[in-house]
Amino acid sequence: RELYKHEPLEKLNDRETSIPEETSFPNDPIAKSLSDLVTAKQLGLIRAVSRERGVDANAESKRFMNCSVDELSRKAASSLINHLQRSPLLQDFGRQTAA
């Protein structure tokens, strides 16, 4: 079917793809209902990325959105994930690898 055909690589390269440098956080990050609450998958990703980056996700959430990670809406959690992924990686110079 036509829908599933891939575009030529030249067309993909010609498109302007810009990723915003700064993450924009929602004005109202707190979930209004249970269905809007951060998902378990998002919480897992937030914890994993923050651990990898050496960042306290709860502190970042409070800093930028004035609420804890557990209170976030799905959209706010997505913004926090993007923010955390843009943070520099933790430089662990003390870690030794097995030979």
N, C-alpha and C. Protein backbone atom coordinates (compact mmCIF):
# COMPACT_ATOMS: atom_id res chain seq x y z
N ARG A 1 0.82 -1.19 0.00
CA ARG A 1 0.00 0.00 0.00
C ARG A 1 0.86 1.25 0.00
N GLU A 2 0.32 2.28 -0.52
CA GLU A 2 1.03 3.55 -0.63
C GLU A 2 1.42 4.13 0.73
N LEU A 3 0.57 3.91 1.74
CA LEU A 3 0.82 4.49 3.05
C LEU A 3 2.10 3.99 3.69
N TYR A 4 2.49 2.78 3.36
CA TYR A 4 3.60 2.15 4.06
C TYR A 4 4.92 2.24 3.31
N LYS A 5 4.93 2.91 2.18
CA LYS A 5 6.17 3.06 1.44
C LYS A 5 7.05 4.10 2.12
N HIS A 6 8.33 3.82 2.16
CA HIS A 6 9.28 4.76 2.77
C HIS A 6 9.68 5.82 1.75
N GLU A 7 9.86 7.01 2.22
CA GLU A 7 10.30 8.09 1.35
C GLU A 7 11.79 7.94 1.07
N PRO A 8 12.23 8.43 -0.07
CA PRO A 8 13.67 8.39 -0.37
C PRO A 8 14.46 9.20 0.66
N LEU A 9 15.67 8.77 0.90
CA LEU A 9 16.52 9.41 1.89
C LEU A 9 16.77 10.88 1.56
N GLU A 10 16.83 11.21 0.27
CA GLU A 10 17.06 12.61 -0.10
C GLU A 10 15.95 13.50 0.42
N LYS A 11 14.71 13.04 0.32
CA LYS A 11 13.59 13.84 0.80
C LYS A 11 13.66 14.04 2.31
N LEU A 12 14.06 12.99 3.02
CA LEU A 12 14.16 13.09 4.46
C LEU A 12 15.25 14.08 4.87
N ASN A 13 16.36 14.08 4.14
CA ASN A 13 17.46 14.97 4.47
C ASN A 13 17.13 16.42 4.12
N ASP A 14 16.28 16.64 3.11
CA ASP A 14 15.93 17.99 2.70
C ASP A 14 15.00 18.68 3.69
N ARG A 15 14.26 17.90 4.46
CA ARG A 15 13.34 18.50 5.41
C ARG A 15 14.09 19.19 6.53
N GLU A 16 13.52 20.27 6.95
CA GLU A 16 14.12 20.99 8.08
C GLU A 16 13.62 20.35 9.36
N THR A 17 14.53 19.76 10.11
CA THR A 17 14.17 19.14 11.38
C THR A 17 14.87 19.90 12.47
N SER A 18 14.10 20.58 13.27
CA SER A 18 14.70 21.34 14.35
C SER A 18 14.15 20.84 15.68
N ILE A 19 15.05 20.59 16.59
CA ILE A 19 14.69 20.18 17.93
C ILE A 19 14.92 21.36 18.84
N PRO A 20 13.90 21.78 19.58
CA PRO A 20 14.10 22.93 20.46
C PRO A 20 15.18 22.64 21.50
N GLU A 21 16.01 23.63 21.74
CA GLU A 21 17.10 23.49 22.69
C GLU A 21 16.60 23.39 24.12
N GLU A 22 15.56 24.14 24.43
CA GLU A 22 15.04 24.14 25.79
C GLU A 22 13.70 23.44 25.82
N THR A 23 13.48 22.73 26.91
CA THR A 23 12.22 22.05 27.09
C THR A 23 11.20 23.03 27.63
N SER A 24 10.04 23.04 27.05
CA SER A 24 8.98 23.88 27.59
C SER A 24 8.09 23.02 28.48
N PHE A 25 7.87 23.50 29.66
CA PHE A 25 7.06 22.78 30.62
C PHE A 25 5.64 23.34 30.58
N PRO A 26 4.64 22.49 30.79
CA PRO A 26 3.25 22.98 30.77
C PRO A 26 2.99 23.95 31.92
N ASN A 27 2.05 24.87 31.70
CA ASN A 27 1.70 25.83 32.74
C ASN A 27 1.04 25.18 33.94
N ASP A 28 0.28 24.13 33.70
CA ASP A 28 -0.40 23.43 34.78
C ASP A 28 0.02 21.96 34.74
N PRO A 29 1.12 21.60 35.42
CA PRO A 29 1.67 20.26 35.30
C PRO A 29 0.99 19.18 36.14
N ILE A 30 0.12 19.57 37.05
CA ILE A 30 -0.50 18.60 37.94
C ILE A 30 -1.68 17.92 37.24
N ALA A 31 -1.73 16.59 37.36
CA ALA A 31 -2.80 15.81 36.74
C ALA A 31 -4.15 16.17 37.34
N LYS A 32 -5.15 16.30 36.50
CA LYS A 32 -6.49 16.65 36.93
C LYS A 32 -7.35 15.42 37.25
N SER A 33 -6.98 14.27 36.70
CA SER A 33 -7.73 13.04 36.93
C SER A 33 -6.77 11.85 36.93
N LEU A 34 -7.26 10.70 37.33
CA LEU A 34 -6.43 9.50 37.33
C LEU A 34 -6.00 9.13 35.91
N SER A 35 -6.87 9.37 34.94
CA SER A 35 -6.52 9.02 33.56
C SER A 35 -5.44 9.94 32.99
N ASP A 36 -5.26 11.11 33.60
CA ASP A 36 -4.25 12.06 33.14
C ASP A 36 -2.94 11.93 33.93
N LEU A 37 -2.93 11.09 34.95
CA LEU A 37 -1.77 10.92 35.82
C LEU A 37 -0.61 10.25 35.09
N VAL A 38 0.60 10.61 35.47
CA VAL A 38 1.81 10.02 34.90
C VAL A 38 1.69 8.49 34.92
N THR A 39 2.14 7.85 33.84
CA THR A 39 2.01 6.40 33.75
C THR A 39 3.19 5.71 34.44
N ALA A 40 3.02 4.43 34.74
CA ALA A 40 4.08 3.64 35.36
C ALA A 40 5.30 3.57 34.43
N LYS A 41 5.05 3.50 33.14
CA LYS A 41 6.14 3.45 32.16
C LYS A 41 6.94 4.76 32.18
N GLN A 42 6.23 5.88 32.26
CA GLN A 42 6.90 7.18 32.33
C GLN A 42 7.70 7.30 33.63
N LEU A 43 7.11 6.86 34.74
CA LEU A 43 7.84 6.92 36.02
C LEU A 43 9.12 6.09 35.95
N GLY A 44 9.03 4.92 35.36
CA GLY A 44 10.22 4.07 35.20
C GLY A 44 11.29 4.74 34.37
N LEU A 45 10.87 5.37 33.28
CA LEU A 45 11.83 6.07 32.41
C LEU A 45 12.43 7.27 33.11
N ILE A 46 11.62 8.01 33.85
CA ILE A 46 12.12 9.16 34.60
C ILE A 46 13.18 8.70 35.60
N ARG A 47 12.91 7.63 36.32
CA ARG A 47 13.88 7.11 37.30
C ARG A 47 15.16 6.63 36.63
N ALA A 48 15.00 5.91 35.52
CA ALA A 48 16.18 5.37 34.82
C ALA A 48 17.06 6.48 34.26
N VAL A 49 16.44 7.44 33.59
CA VAL A 49 17.21 8.53 32.97
C VAL A 49 17.86 9.40 34.05
N SER A 50 17.12 9.69 35.12
CA SER A 50 17.69 10.53 36.17
C SER A 50 18.84 9.82 36.87
N ARG A 51 18.73 8.52 37.06
CA ARG A 51 19.83 7.75 37.67
C ARG A 51 21.05 7.77 36.75
N GLU A 52 20.81 7.57 35.45
CA GLU A 52 21.89 7.57 34.46
C GLU A 52 22.59 8.93 34.40
N ARG A 53 21.81 9.98 34.53
CA ARG A 53 22.35 11.34 34.43
C ARG A 53 22.85 11.89 35.76
N GLY A 54 22.56 11.18 36.85
CA GLY A 54 22.99 11.65 38.16
C GLY A 54 22.20 12.86 38.63
N VAL A 55 20.92 12.89 38.29
CA VAL A 55 20.05 14.02 38.61
C VAL A 55 18.92 13.53 39.51
N ASP A 56 18.49 14.36 40.44
CA ASP A 56 17.34 14.04 41.28
C ASP A 56 16.09 14.50 40.53
N ALA A 57 15.33 13.54 40.01
CA ALA A 57 14.16 13.86 39.19
C ALA A 57 13.11 14.63 39.99
N ASN A 58 12.92 14.27 41.24
CA ASN A 58 11.93 14.96 42.06
C ASN A 58 12.33 16.42 42.27
N ALA A 59 13.61 16.65 42.50
CA ALA A 59 14.10 18.02 42.67
C ALA A 59 13.92 18.82 41.38
N GLU A 60 14.19 18.22 40.24
CA GLU A 60 14.02 18.89 38.95
C GLU A 60 12.54 19.22 38.71
N SER A 61 11.68 18.28 39.06
CA SER A 61 10.25 18.50 38.90
C SER A 61 9.77 19.66 39.77
N LYS A 62 10.23 19.68 41.01
CA LYS A 62 9.85 20.76 41.92
C LYS A 62 10.44 22.10 41.44
N ARG A 63 11.65 22.06 40.91
CA ARG A 63 12.32 23.27 40.44
C ARG A 63 11.60 23.92 39.26
N PHE A 64 11.19 23.09 38.30
CA PHE A 64 10.59 23.63 37.08
C PHE A 64 9.07 23.68 37.08
N MET A 65 8.44 22.77 37.88
CA MET A 65 6.97 22.70 37.81
C MET A 65 6.29 22.80 39.17
N ASN A 66 7.06 22.97 40.22
CA ASN A 66 6.52 23.15 41.56
C ASN A 66 5.62 22.01 42.02
N CYS A 67 5.94 20.79 41.65
CA CYS A 67 5.21 19.62 42.14
C CYS A 67 6.11 18.39 42.05
N SER A 68 5.74 17.34 42.75
CA SER A 68 6.56 16.13 42.73
C SER A 68 6.26 15.32 41.48
N VAL A 69 7.14 14.38 41.19
CA VAL A 69 7.00 13.54 40.00
C VAL A 69 5.70 12.75 40.04
N ASP A 70 5.29 12.30 41.22
CA ASP A 70 4.07 11.49 41.36
C ASP A 70 2.79 12.26 41.06
N GLU A 71 2.85 13.57 41.04
CA GLU A 71 1.67 14.40 40.79
C GLU A 71 1.53 14.82 39.33
N LEU A 72 2.54 14.55 38.52
CA LEU A 72 2.58 15.06 37.15
C LEU A 72 1.51 14.48 36.25
N SER A 73 1.10 15.30 35.30
CA SER A 73 0.23 14.81 34.22
C SER A 73 1.12 14.08 33.22
N ARG A 74 0.51 13.37 32.32
CA ARG A 74 1.28 12.65 31.29
C ARG A 74 2.10 13.62 30.43
N LYS A 75 1.48 14.74 30.09
CA LYS A 75 2.18 15.74 29.26
C LYS A 75 3.37 16.33 30.02
N ALA A 76 3.18 16.65 31.30
CA ALA A 76 4.27 17.21 32.10
C ALA A 76 5.38 16.19 32.29
N ALA A 77 5.00 14.93 32.47
CA ALA A 77 6.00 13.86 32.62
C ALA A 77 6.82 13.73 31.34
N SER A 78 6.17 13.86 30.21
CA SER A 78 6.88 13.81 28.93
C SER A 78 7.88 14.95 28.80
N SER A 79 7.47 16.13 29.24
CA SER A 79 8.38 17.29 29.22
C SER A 79 9.56 17.08 30.15
N LEU A 80 9.30 16.50 31.32
CA LEU A 80 10.38 16.22 32.27
C LEU A 80 11.35 15.19 31.70
N ILE A 81 10.84 14.17 31.04
CA ILE A 81 11.69 13.16 30.42
C ILE A 81 12.59 13.81 29.37
N ASN A 82 12.03 14.67 28.53
CA ASN A 82 12.83 15.37 27.52
C ASN A 82 13.92 16.22 28.18
N HIS A 83 13.55 16.90 29.25
CA HIS A 83 14.52 17.74 29.98
C HIS A 83 15.65 16.88 30.54
N LEU A 84 15.30 15.77 31.16
CA LEU A 84 16.31 14.90 31.77
C LEU A 84 17.22 14.30 30.71
N GLN A 85 16.65 13.93 29.57
CA GLN A 85 17.46 13.34 28.49
C GLN A 85 18.45 14.34 27.90
N ARG A 86 18.16 15.61 28.02
CA ARG A 86 19.08 16.65 27.52
C ARG A 86 20.15 17.01 28.54
N SER A 87 20.00 16.53 29.77
CA SER A 87 21.00 16.80 30.80
C SER A 87 22.28 16.06 30.47
N PRO A 88 23.43 16.60 30.87
CA PRO A 88 24.70 15.90 30.58
C PRO A 88 24.78 14.59 31.36
N LEU A 89 25.48 13.63 30.78
CA LEU A 89 25.67 12.34 31.44
C LEU A 89 26.54 12.47 32.67
N LEU A 90 26.26 11.62 33.63
CA LEU A 90 27.06 11.57 34.85
C LEU A 90 28.45 11.03 34.50
N GLN A 91 29.47 11.75 34.91
CA GLN A 91 30.84 11.31 34.68
C GLN A 91 31.31 10.57 35.92
N ASP A 92 31.40 9.26 35.81
CA ASP A 92 31.78 8.44 36.96
C ASP A 92 33.22 7.98 36.77
N PHE A 93 34.15 8.80 37.25
CA PHE A 93 35.57 8.49 37.08
C PHE A 93 36.05 7.45 38.09
N GLY A 94 35.32 7.25 39.18
CA GLY A 94 35.74 6.31 40.21
C GLY A 94 35.38 4.88 39.91
N ARG A 95 34.52 4.67 38.90
CA ARG A 95 34.08 3.31 38.59
C ARG A 95 35.20 2.53 37.95
N GLN A 96 35.39 1.31 38.42
CA GLN A 96 36.40 0.44 37.83
C GLN A 96 35.70 -0.72 37.14
N THR A 97 36.25 -1.13 36.03
CA THR A 97 35.67 -2.24 35.29
C THR A 97 36.49 -3.49 35.55
N ALA A 98 35.82 -4.64 35.51
CA ALA A 98 36.50 -5.91 35.72
C ALA A 98 37.33 -6.25 34.49
N ALA A 99 38.50 -6.79 34.73
CA ALA A 99 39.39 -7.11 33.61
C ALA A 99 39.20 -8.51 33.13
